[in-house]
Amino acid sequence: MIDSRTTRRPDCVTEIRMGNSVLVVSGYFKKDTTTTAADKMARVLEAEAAATQEPTYPA
């Protein structure tokens, strides 16, 4: 079976050591995206802040 997809290098590679093993994780991002990593992280932080926010009670 011939793979017709073009191979591309991963956008990020992380190595994690667990005991005697090394796990290599490759990450790929969408090619045609318009949001940046900073935009995505800002959304994550906003969602986390909203989820952990203390409810306000009237006095």
C-alpha atoms as a PDB file:
ATOM      1  CA  MET A   1       0.000   0.000   0.000  1.00  0.00           C
ATOM      2  CA  ILE A   2       1.409   3.361  -1.029  1.00  0.00           C
ATOM      3  CA  ASP A   3       0.715   6.368   1.168  1.00  0.00           C
ATOM      4  CA  SER A   4      -0.369   9.224  -1.106  1.00  0.00           C
ATOM      5  CA  ARG A   5      -0.166  11.876   1.619  1.00  0.00           C
ATOM      6  CA  THR A   6       2.820  14.168   1.565  1.00  0.00           C
ATOM      7  CA  THR A   7       4.962  13.843   4.650  1.00  0.00           C
ATOM      8  CA  ARG A   8       5.780  16.969   6.567  1.00  0.00           C
ATOM      9  CA  ARG A   9       7.885  17.649   9.603  1.00  0.00           C
ATOM     10  CA  PRO A  10       6.041  18.044  12.907  1.00  0.00           C
ATOM     11  CA  ASP A  11       5.489  21.573  14.192  1.00  0.00           C
ATOM     12  CA  CYS A  12       6.607  20.581  17.694  1.00  0.00           C
ATOM     13  CA  VAL A  13       8.287  17.544  19.218  1.00  0.00           C
ATOM     14  CA  THR A  14       8.344  16.750  22.933  1.00  0.00           C
ATOM     15  CA  GLU A  15      10.303  13.971  24.609  1.00  0.00           C
ATOM     16  CA  ILE A  16       9.013  12.633  27.923  1.00  0.00           C
ATOM     17  CA  ARG A  17      11.057  10.217  30.014  1.00  0.00           C
ATOM     18  CA  MET A  18       9.077   7.652  32.007  1.00  0.00           C
ATOM     19  CA  GLY A  19      11.322   5.234  33.840  1.00  0.00           C
ATOM     20  CA  ASN A  20      13.554   3.549  31.258  1.00  0.00           C
ATOM     21  CA  SER A  21      11.374   4.647  28.333  1.00  0.00           C
ATOM     22  CA  VAL A  22      11.414   7.838  26.309  1.00  0.00           C
ATOM     23  CA  LEU A  23       8.115   8.828  24.711  1.00  0.00           C
ATOM     24  CA  VAL A  24       8.380  11.067  21.664  1.00  0.00           C
ATOM     25  CA  VAL A  25       5.239  13.082  20.952  1.00  0.00           C
ATOM     26  CA  SER A  26       4.951  14.939  17.655  1.00  0.00           C
ATOM     27  CA  GLY A  27       2.450  17.750  17.228  1.00  0.00           C
ATOM     28  CA  TYR A  28       0.947  19.179  14.070  1.00  0.00           C
ATOM     29  CA  PHE A  29      -1.019  22.398  13.677  1.00  0.00           C
ATOM     30  CA  LYS A  30      -3.615  23.177  11.035  1.00  0.00           C
ATOM     31  CA  LYS A  31      -2.021  24.671   7.953  1.00  0.00           C
ATOM     32  CA  ASP A  32      -4.775  27.209   7.205  1.00  0.00           C
ATOM     33  CA  THR A  33      -5.520  28.456  10.712  1.00  0.00           C
ATOM     34  CA  THR A  34      -5.841  32.152  11.492  1.00  0.00           C
ATOM     35  CA  THR A  35      -5.539  31.963  15.292  1.00  0.00           C
ATOM     36  CA  THR A  36      -2.147  31.997  16.956  1.00  0.00           C
ATOM     37  CA  ALA A  37      -0.941  29.910  19.876  1.00  0.00           C
ATOM     38  CA  ALA A  38      -1.211  33.052  22.030  1.00  0.00           C
ATOM     39  CA  ASP A  39      -4.883  33.449  21.031  1.00  0.00           C
ATOM     40  CA  LYS A  40      -5.623  29.851  21.987  1.00  0.00           C
ATOM     41  CA  MET A  41      -3.803  30.147  25.323  1.00  0.00           C
ATOM     42  CA  ALA A  42      -5.716  33.339  26.122  1.00  0.00           C
ATOM     43  CA  ARG A  43      -9.003  31.472  25.567  1.00  0.00           C
ATOM     44  CA  VAL A  44      -7.845  28.651  27.851  1.00  0.00           C
ATOM     45  CA  LEU A  45      -6.883  31.105  30.606  1.00  0.00           C
ATOM     46  CA  GLU A  46     -10.179  33.001  30.278  1.00  0.00           C
ATOM     47  CA  ALA A  47     -12.171  29.768  30.525  1.00  0.00           C
ATOM     48  CA  GLU A  48     -10.145  28.637  33.536  1.00  0.00           C
ATOM     49  CA  ALA A  49     -10.624  31.979  35.282  1.00  0.00           C
ATOM     50  CA  ALA A  50     -14.375  31.871  34.643  1.00  0.00           C
ATOM     51  CA  ALA A  51     -14.622  28.313  35.983  1.00  0.00           C
ATOM     52  CA  THR A  52     -12.750  29.097  39.213  1.00  0.00           C
ATOM     53  CA  GLN A  53     -14.324  32.478  39.882  1.00  0.00           C
ATOM     54  CA  GLU A  54     -16.074  32.821  43.250  1.00  0.00           C
ATOM     55  CA  PRO A  55     -19.774  33.595  42.927  1.00  0.00           C
ATOM     56  CA  THR A  56     -20.783  37.010  44.266  1.00  0.00           C
ATOM     57  CA  TYR A  57     -23.607  37.064  46.796  1.00  0.00           C
ATOM     58  CA  PRO A  58     -25.631  40.181  47.601  1.00  0.00           C
ATOM     59  CA  ALA A  59     -25.045  41.560  51.106  1.00  0.00           C
END
